Structure formats: C-alpha cells, structure tokens
Protein backbone atom coordinates (compact mmCIF):
# COMPACT_ATOMS: atom_id res chain seq x y z
CA UNK A 1 101.85 94.77 89.60
CA UNK A 2 98.49 96.34 89.98
CA UNK A 3 95.84 97.02 92.68
CA UNK A 4 92.26 98.08 92.77
CA UNK A 5 92.06 101.64 93.76
CA UNK A 6 90.19 104.94 93.46
CA UNK A 7 91.52 107.31 90.70
CA UNK A 8 92.13 110.90 91.80
CA UNK A 9 92.44 113.74 89.31
CA UNK A 10 95.29 115.19 91.42
CA UNK A 11 97.59 112.15 90.99
CA UNK A 12 98.11 109.07 93.21
CA UNK A 13 95.24 106.71 93.48
CA UNK A 14 93.44 106.12 96.79
CA UNK A 15 93.30 102.78 98.44
CA UNK A 16 90.39 103.92 100.56
CA UNK A 17 87.55 106.28 99.87
CA UNK A 18 86.97 108.25 103.08
CA UNK A 19 84.80 111.31 103.81
CA UNK A 20 87.13 113.20 106.23
CA UNK A 21 85.53 115.21 108.96
CA UNK A 22 88.34 117.73 109.68
CA UNK A 23 88.63 120.07 112.61
CA UNK A 24 90.50 123.34 112.24
CA UNK A 25 91.50 123.30 115.88
CA UNK A 26 91.10 121.28 119.11
CA UNK A 27 87.87 123.15 119.72
CA UNK A 28 86.31 121.46 116.69
CA UNK A 29 87.49 118.00 117.35
CA UNK A 30 84.71 116.59 119.43
CA UNK A 31 82.05 117.84 117.08
CA UNK A 32 83.94 116.15 114.15
CA UNK A 33 83.96 112.85 116.22
CA UNK A 34 80.08 113.08 116.65
CA UNK A 35 79.47 113.80 113.03
CA UNK A 36 81.78 110.87 111.82
CA UNK A 37 80.03 108.58 114.23
CA UNK A 38 76.69 109.33 112.42
CA UNK A 39 77.85 108.74 108.76
CA UNK A 40 78.94 105.40 107.31
CA UNK A 41 82.19 105.96 105.31
CA UNK A 42 83.20 109.09 107.30
CA UNK A 43 86.43 109.24 109.48
CA UNK A 44 87.61 111.92 111.85
CA UNK A 45 90.70 113.09 113.44
CA UNK A 46 91.31 114.52 116.96
CA UNK A 47 93.49 117.63 116.47
CA UNK A 48 95.23 119.00 119.57
CA UNK A 49 96.34 122.33 118.35
CA UNK A 50 95.43 125.11 115.67
CA UNK A 51 95.12 128.13 118.02
CA UNK A 52 97.07 130.38 120.34
CA UNK A 53 100.38 129.45 118.68
CA UNK A 54 103.50 130.98 117.07
CA UNK A 55 103.61 131.49 113.30
CA UNK A 56 105.96 128.51 112.65
CA UNK A 57 103.67 126.06 114.48
CA UNK A 58 100.50 127.45 112.84
CA UNK A 59 102.28 126.95 109.48
CA UNK A 60 102.96 123.30 110.46
CA UNK A 61 99.30 122.78 111.60
CA UNK A 62 98.09 124.16 108.30
CA UNK A 63 100.39 121.87 106.28
CA UNK A 64 99.16 118.81 108.21
CA UNK A 65 95.48 119.72 107.82
CA UNK A 66 95.78 120.52 104.17
CA UNK A 67 97.87 117.48 103.62
CA UNK A 68 95.24 115.24 105.31
CA UNK A 69 92.54 116.76 103.05
CA UNK A 70 94.65 116.16 99.85
CA UNK A 71 95.68 112.51 100.81
CA UNK A 72 94.58 110.32 97.93
CA UNK A 73 92.54 108.05 100.34
CA UNK A 74 90.18 111.02 100.89
CA UNK A 75 87.16 111.55 98.65
CA UNK A 76 85.83 114.78 100.21
CA UNK A 77 86.12 116.81 103.30
CA UNK A 78 83.73 118.39 105.84
CA UNK A 79 85.57 121.02 107.90
CA UNK A 80 84.29 122.15 111.36
CA UNK A 81 85.94 125.13 113.08
CA UNK A 82 85.06 127.24 116.20
CA UNK A 83 85.25 130.54 114.80
CA UNK A 84 87.94 132.42 116.73
CA UNK A 85 90.94 130.04 115.96
CA UNK A 86 94.09 131.30 114.19
CA UNK A 87 93.03 130.09 110.75
CA UNK A 88 89.18 129.98 110.58
CA UNK A 89 87.22 127.30 108.68
CA UNK A 90 86.64 129.43 105.65
CA UNK A 91 90.32 130.14 105.13
CA UNK A 92 91.25 126.47 105.63
CA UNK A 93 88.52 125.40 103.09
CA UNK A 94 89.96 127.95 100.55
CA UNK A 95 93.36 126.52 101.09
CA UNK A 96 92.19 123.01 100.37
CA UNK A 97 90.16 124.03 97.40
CA UNK A 98 93.17 125.69 95.80
CA UNK A 99 94.99 122.44 96.12
CA UNK A 100 92.38 119.92 95.03
CA UNK A 101 89.08 119.34 93.01
CA UNK A 102 87.51 117.18 95.85
CA UNK A 103 84.27 118.38 97.39
CA UNK A 104 85.03 120.56 100.46
CA UNK A 105 82.52 122.25 102.75
CA UNK A 106 83.02 124.01 106.11
CA UNK A 107 80.97 125.08 109.19
CA UNK A 108 81.85 127.32 112.23
CA UNK A 109 80.37 126.39 115.62
CA UNK A 110 80.12 130.10 116.57
CA UNK A 111 78.72 131.00 113.08
CA UNK A 112 76.00 128.34 113.16
CA UNK A 113 74.85 129.03 116.72
CA UNK A 114 76.31 126.10 118.70
CA UNK A 115 77.38 122.57 118.65
CA UNK A 116 73.95 120.79 117.81
CA UNK A 117 73.16 123.13 114.88
CA UNK A 118 76.63 122.63 113.50
CA UNK A 119 76.51 118.88 113.80
CA UNK A 120 73.13 118.75 112.00
CA UNK A 121 74.43 120.62 108.98
CA UNK A 122 77.72 118.75 108.97
CA UNK A 123 76.06 115.38 109.13
CA UNK A 124 73.76 116.25 106.28
CA UNK A 125 76.75 117.37 104.13
CA UNK A 126 78.84 114.32 105.14
CA UNK A 127 75.96 112.00 104.33
CA UNK A 128 75.63 113.53 100.78
CA UNK A 129 79.27 113.14 100.21
CA UNK A 130 79.39 109.65 101.44
CA UNK A 131 76.52 108.79 99.12
CA UNK A 132 78.51 110.24 96.18
CA UNK A 133 81.72 108.43 97.27
CA UNK A 134 79.87 105.13 97.28
CA UNK A 135 79.10 105.54 93.55
CA UNK A 136 82.78 105.76 92.70
CA UNK A 137 83.98 102.42 91.10
CA UNK A 138 87.42 101.08 91.93
CA UNK A 139 89.72 100.86 88.81
CA UNK A 140 92.99 98.88 88.20
CA UNK A 141 95.85 100.98 89.11
CA UNK A 142 99.66 100.51 88.62
CA UNK A 143 101.74 99.92 91.73
CA UNK A 144 103.55 103.16 90.80
CA UNK A 145 100.62 105.06 92.29
CA UNK A 146 101.42 103.55 95.70
CA UNK A 147 103.42 105.85 98.22
CA UNK A 148 104.19 103.50 101.20
CA UNK A 149 105.24 105.19 104.53
CA UNK A 150 107.91 103.25 106.52
CA UNK A 151 107.85 103.56 110.35
CA UNK A 152 109.03 101.80 113.32
CA UNK A 153 108.21 102.07 117.10
CA UNK A 154 108.61 100.05 120.36
CA UNK A 155 111.66 98.54 118.73
CA UNK A 156 113.73 95.77 120.31
CA UNK A 157 116.64 93.60 119.23
CA UNK A 158 114.55 91.80 116.65
CA UNK A 159 113.71 95.00 114.94
CA UNK A 160 117.20 95.74 113.58
CA UNK A 161 118.10 92.20 112.69
CA UNK A 162 114.78 90.91 111.24
CA UNK A 163 111.62 92.96 110.72
CA UNK A 164 113.34 96.22 109.62
CA UNK A 165 115.62 94.37 106.99
CA UNK A 166 112.53 92.65 105.76
CA UNK A 167 110.77 95.99 105.38
CA UNK A 168 113.84 97.17 103.59
CA UNK A 169 113.63 94.26 101.20
CA UNK A 170 109.94 95.24 100.70
CA UNK A 171 110.97 98.81 99.91
CA UNK A 172 113.52 97.68 97.33
CA UNK A 173 110.90 95.45 95.58
CA UNK A 174 108.42 98.19 95.38
CA UNK A 175 110.93 100.82 94.13
CA UNK A 176 112.01 98.28 91.49
CA UNK A 177 108.28 97.95 90.46
CA UNK A 178 108.04 101.69 90.15
CA UNK A 179 106.27 102.55 93.42
CA UNK A 180 107.70 105.05 96.07
CA UNK A 181 108.52 104.58 99.62
CA UNK A 182 109.10 107.13 102.40
CA UNK A 183 111.19 106.72 105.64
CA UNK A 184 111.13 109.20 108.40
CA UNK A 185 112.28 109.86 112.01
CA UNK A 186 115.54 111.60 111.30
CA UNK A 187 116.59 111.58 115.01
CA UNK A 188 116.88 107.90 114.64
CA UNK A 189 119.43 108.26 111.67
CA UNK A 190 121.98 109.79 114.13
CA UNK A 191 125.01 107.56 114.41
CA UNK A 192 124.10 105.90 111.14
CA UNK A 193 123.49 108.96 109.06
CA UNK A 194 126.83 108.45 107.16
CA UNK A 195 125.61 104.92 106.16
CA UNK A 196 122.18 106.25 105.11
CA UNK A 197 123.82 109.19 103.18
CA UNK A 198 125.73 106.70 101.05
CA UNK A 199 122.48 105.88 99.40
CA UNK A 200 121.88 109.45 98.21
CA UNK A 201 121.49 109.85 94.43
CA UNK A 202 123.44 113.06 94.39
CA UNK A 203 126.07 114.95 96.57
CA UNK A 204 123.35 117.39 97.50
CA UNK A 205 121.07 114.78 98.94
CA UNK A 206 123.98 113.20 100.80
CA UNK A 207 124.86 116.58 102.42
CA UNK A 208 121.13 117.18 103.28
CA UNK A 209 121.00 113.98 105.21
CA UNK A 210 124.08 114.65 107.14
CA UNK A 211 123.05 118.33 107.88
CA UNK A 212 119.67 117.27 109.18
CA UNK A 213 121.27 115.24 111.90
CA UNK A 214 123.79 117.97 112.67
CA UNK A 215 121.10 120.62 112.93
CA UNK A 216 118.87 118.55 115.22
CA UNK A 217 121.71 117.81 117.63
CA UNK A 218 122.85 121.49 117.53
CA UNK A 219 119.14 122.60 118.30
CA UNK A 220 118.95 120.37 121.30
CA UNK A 221 122.44 121.37 122.55
CA UNK A 222 121.38 125.04 122.43
CA UNK A 223 118.58 124.22 124.74
CA UNK A 224 120.84 122.29 127.14
CA UNK A 225 119.49 119.02 125.91
CA UNK A 226 121.04 115.74 124.58
CA UNK A 227 119.03 113.49 122.21
CA UNK A 228 120.80 110.44 123.72
CA UNK A 229 119.02 111.16 126.98
CA UNK A 230 115.71 110.16 125.48
CA UNK A 231 117.00 107.70 122.98
CA UNK A 232 116.94 104.76 123.09
CA UNK A 233 113.67 104.76 125.14
CA UNK A 234 113.22 102.74 128.33
CA UNK A 235 111.25 100.16 126.11
CA UNK A 236 113.92 99.95 123.67
CA UNK A 237 116.59 99.35 126.41
CA UNK A 238 114.41 96.67 127.96
CA UNK A 239 114.06 95.10 124.44
CA UNK A 240 117.96 94.84 124.16
CA UNK A 241 118.99 98.04 122.39
CA UNK A 242 121.90 99.81 124.25
CA UNK A 243 122.72 103.00 122.37
CA UNK A 244 121.18 105.42 119.91
CA UNK A 245 123.81 104.32 117.31
CA UNK A 246 122.75 100.76 117.54
CA UNK A 247 119.09 101.83 117.29
CA UNK A 248 119.78 103.98 114.33
CA UNK A 249 121.76 101.23 112.42
CA UNK A 250 118.61 98.98 112.78
CA UNK A 251 116.26 101.85 111.95
CA UNK A 252 117.78 102.82 108.61
CA UNK A 253 117.78 99.13 107.44
CA UNK A 254 113.91 99.48 106.88
CA UNK A 255 114.50 101.95 104.19
CA UNK A 256 116.15 99.46 101.93
CA UNK A 257 119.15 99.97 99.66
CA UNK A 258 117.84 101.81 96.62
CA UNK A 259 119.16 105.43 95.89
CA UNK A 260 117.40 108.07 97.85
CA UNK A 261 116.03 110.62 95.25
CA UNK A 262 114.54 113.37 97.59
CA UNK A 263 114.76 114.73 101.12
CA UNK A 264 111.55 116.30 102.36
CA UNK A 265 110.53 118.47 105.34
CA UNK A 266 107.56 117.38 107.50
CA UNK A 267 104.32 117.15 105.64
CA UNK A 268 105.69 117.85 102.28
CA UNK A 269 104.59 115.80 99.15
CA UNK A 270 107.35 114.12 97.10
CA UNK A 271 108.05 115.46 93.53
CA UNK A 272 110.05 112.47 92.59
CA UNK A 273 109.26 108.67 92.33
CA UNK A 274 111.38 106.15 94.24
CA UNK A 275 112.94 105.95 97.79
CA UNK A 276 112.50 109.27 99.69
CA UNK A 277 113.16 110.26 103.28
CA UNK A 278 111.35 112.90 105.35
CA UNK A 279 112.88 114.88 108.22
CA UNK A 280 110.49 114.25 111.16
CA UNK A 281 110.60 113.89 114.91
CA UNK A 282 111.50 110.52 116.61
CA UNK A 283 107.95 110.14 118.05
CA UNK A 284 106.39 107.47 115.72
CA UNK A 285 102.88 108.92 115.82
CA UNK A 286 104.16 112.30 114.74
CA UNK A 287 106.19 110.76 112.08
CA UNK A 288 103.07 108.80 110.70
CA UNK A 289 101.10 112.03 110.90
CA UNK A 290 103.58 113.97 108.81
CA UNK A 291 103.93 111.15 106.24
CA UNK A 292 100.07 110.82 105.81
CA UNK A 293 100.03 114.70 105.33
CA UNK A 294 102.79 114.08 102.73
CA UNK A 295 100.46 111.83 100.63
CA UNK A 296 101.33 108.27 101.73
CA UNK A 297 98.23 106.10 101.15
CA UNK A 298 99.48 103.35 103.34
CA UNK A 299 101.95 102.85 106.21
CA UNK A 300 103.95 99.81 107.24
CA UNK A 301 105.04 99.84 110.86
CA UNK A 302 107.63 97.52 112.41
CA UNK A 303 107.70 96.85 116.18
CA UNK A 304 109.46 94.55 118.52
CA UNK A 305 107.67 95.22 121.67
CA UNK A 306 104.26 95.95 120.08
CA UNK A 307 101.97 98.91 119.52
CA UNK A 308 98.33 99.67 118.75
CA UNK A 309 99.05 102.69 116.55
CA UNK A 310 96.65 103.39 113.74
CA UNK A 311 95.57 106.35 111.49
CA UNK A 312 92.06 107.26 110.39
CA UNK A 313 93.06 108.14 106.84
CA UNK A 314 95.46 105.43 105.89
CA UNK A 315 95.82 101.73 106.88
CA UNK A 316 98.79 101.02 109.20
CA UNK A 317 100.15 97.59 108.87
CA UNK A 318 101.93 96.26 111.94
CA UNK A 319 104.83 93.90 111.54
CA UNK A 320 107.01 92.08 114.33
CA UNK A 321 109.64 89.45 114.21
CA UNK A 322 109.29 88.89 117.83
CA UNK A 323 107.13 85.73 118.23
CA UNK A 324 106.20 86.51 121.90
CA UNK A 325 104.98 89.88 120.88
CA UNK A 326 102.90 88.54 117.96
CA UNK A 327 101.40 85.89 120.18
CA UNK A 328 100.92 88.13 123.15
CA UNK A 329 99.51 91.11 121.25
CA UNK A 330 97.87 89.29 118.39
CA UNK A 331 94.98 91.78 118.56
CA UNK A 332 97.33 94.49 117.25
CA UNK A 333 99.92 92.76 115.06
CA UNK A 334 99.08 92.04 111.41
CA UNK A 335 102.24 90.01 110.26
CA UNK A 336 104.57 87.60 112.19
CA UNK A 337 108.07 87.48 110.75
CA UNK A 338 109.53 85.44 113.62
CA UNK A 339 110.58 82.81 111.02
CA UNK A 340 113.55 85.07 110.20
CA UNK A 341 114.77 84.73 113.89
CA UNK A 342 114.03 81.02 113.88
CA UNK A 343 115.81 80.35 110.71
CA UNK A 344 112.82 79.19 108.78
CA UNK A 345 112.41 82.29 106.55
CA UNK A 346 114.91 84.46 104.69
CA UNK A 347 114.96 88.17 104.66
CA UNK A 348 114.07 88.10 100.92
CA UNK A 349 111.15 85.63 101.52
CA UNK A 350 109.85 87.97 104.21
CA UNK A 351 110.05 90.87 101.82
CA UNK A 352 108.00 88.99 99.23
CA UNK A 353 105.44 88.00 101.97
CA UNK A 354 105.04 91.62 102.93
CA UNK A 355 104.71 92.71 99.20
CA UNK A 356 101.73 90.29 98.95
CA UNK A 357 100.26 91.65 102.27
CA UNK A 358 100.61 95.24 101.06
CA UNK A 359 98.86 94.32 97.83
CA UNK A 360 95.94 92.78 99.88
CA UNK A 361 95.69 95.98 101.97
CA UNK A 362 95.69 98.11 98.80
CA UNK A 363 92.91 95.96 97.54
CA UNK A 364 90.82 96.52 100.62
CA UNK A 365 91.85 94.18 103.35
CA UNK A 366 91.59 95.93 106.76
CA UNK A 367 94.50 96.12 109.01
CA UNK A 368 93.72 95.43 112.78
CA UNK A 369 94.16 99.18 113.70
CA UNK A 370 91.64 100.03 110.93
CA UNK A 371 89.15 97.51 112.01
CA UNK A 372 89.30 99.00 115.52
CA UNK A 373 88.84 102.53 114.14
CA UNK A 374 92.07 103.80 115.66
CA UNK A 375 93.17 107.24 114.83
CA UNK A 376 96.40 108.54 116.32
CA UNK A 377 97.56 112.08 115.39
CA UNK A 378 100.35 114.12 116.83
CA UNK A 379 101.70 117.35 115.22
CA UNK A 380 105.34 118.12 115.87
CA UNK A 381 105.94 121.64 117.13
CA UNK A 382 108.66 122.99 114.87
CA UNK A 383 109.16 126.09 117.10
CA UNK A 384 110.26 124.82 120.43
CA UNK A 385 111.13 126.71 123.64
CA UNK A 386 114.92 127.26 123.83
C-alpha cells in the first residue's frame, strides 16, 4: 500500500507540509498565534509552560518542542521566544538544527523591541518558508513510512467492545503492511497490563510494561493518592464503565495483537518498526501531544461520548461506535462504526474500513478537527509535587 506524501531527508514522510510557528514558552504563544493567522500554510501551538520550572519539567518541555519541530508533517519552523525564559529561542533553534535539516529561524520579543516588531519579522520569515513549502511536490510513499498514534478519550461501553477492537484490527493490518503504530496512556493499562505484556516481543519488554504500571501506582501512593479515584472518569461511569480494570481491558484492545517491539518514554521517537507503546499520562490530550512529539504523522482517536480534540501538526481522526454520539456530535466525529453494535458490520470489516479512511487522510483528506483548525496541546509534568 502507498500514499502521496512529502519526503523528508530525516526519515518518515510527512502527510502534511506545515510551517510551524513555535513558541519557546507561554509568553510567546500569542505572538505565534497572530503570525500563523497571517500566513497560509502556517500553524501554531499554544504552549502553557517553558519557564520557571524544575529541571525535569524543562527537559520534558524541550523534548516536546523539538519533537514537534522534527515531526515529518512539518516543513520548516519559525520560533518565537520572549528572551528571559529558561531555554531562550537561540538555544531551542540550535537544538532543532542539530536534529534536522529543515529551515529554522527564531526571534525574541525582548530582542526585537516588542510584539509588533517581532510579528513583522516572523511573518516575513514564515511567508518565505510557506512559499518554499508550496513548491515541494508530493511523492508516492510506502505505507511503512506511516507512524499512526492510537488514542482514546471519553470512552463508554461501546469503546471496549466495538471501536477499540476495530482500531486494534486496523493496527494489525498496518503492522502487517510494514507500518508502525503507537499506543499510549499507561495508566489505562493498569488491571490489564498482564494481558498487554503477553504481546511483548521479548522478556525485557514484558517486564518494562509491568514495571511502568507498578511505578505509576507507587508514585501516586507516595503522594497519598489512588489512581482509581480519578479513573474511570465521571463521563466513563455515565457511559457504563464501572472500574479501571474494565476500562483498561477495553483500552488495550485498540493496540491490536501484534508483538510489541519497543517501549518508549514520553516524546521519544521509535527506533524500531511495528507495534510500539509509549508511557504517557492518562489525559488524552497530553498523550496525543507526546505521540506527536514522538513523530506520529497521524492519530486515530476512539471515543464513546464524543470529543472535539485536534492537533495543529497532525490530523486526528475521530471514531465512535456509539450511533447516538455520531449523530449528536456529527460536527466532531469522522467515522461511524455503530454497525458493529448493530450486528451489520464485523470487527474485521470495520478495520478494513478504517484502513481506507486512514489512507484517504494520508492523501490529504482533512479530518473535522483539522478543518476547524483545532490545536490541543498539554505537556505532562514529569516532576510532580509529592
């Protein structure tokens, strides 16, 4: 299977060709938003951190920002910083340039003499990059260049028995074709981690999956907290999920059945091809953020109750098997798999349907969140108060 994409010298092909307007910290976010609004082909993110933080959180912020810049869907990067943040724009630019040959420029609001002067220079730079990006021609790319992030949020009873298994079927189909898939949200493996670990391609990976869940529960216990106090969420319970174990057994279904070849920390890029997992928070937007930073060029997102979540850099494809949700929130839902519940569609048929839809998205079809220009970003703080 092939798709039309944008070849990158660093590796995986992009399915989009964005000019990314990237803030170094929260103080640069609004200027980035204004710049992106003035240049066709430019996208921005709103970043809520980047300053006045402990070293571990600064490291995580830098991992996410550099990961965004290196994502294959990005053609070039315009960085805007303030000037007194923890990692200034020049240093972030140098980090990115050390990892990629993409065009990267940066500006500091304090250096340039204020917001308007910075925006003027940044708009000119972004406009020139967008003009260059528009000259790049799409090429036929093998499906092996696809790294699909797999996410769920707002789950209900239909998620675990229908939409998640269908996405699991999709994951297996893609891995068999040579592509890679990435599942995250490790807190939602708890109770089903022994089932997930059976898919490990080695004893080491098996033990990593088990240990991740043990470490997370131990961390919360040390702070006097219990992960089962927040999981399942109130919406999950209203949708028919009773316990974290039940939610986890449904959650891990969306990862398919193929051997897990690698376990990644947040924002890390895979070094192997196939089914991989990433140790992320249980907050879906944070998990998507980490997977995009890890190089996913598309994300498929199952939901039972509905969600508008999107990402500026990669298309987020929203899937539900709840017919009411699809009809009630059709503005947000991309794919209706309620036929599984109704008995008119098999899990395998739904997986094949999703494969064709993913191919269409890779070839340029916009998801609904993309068409709206949605951009949800949340960086998990790795160093929490205990």
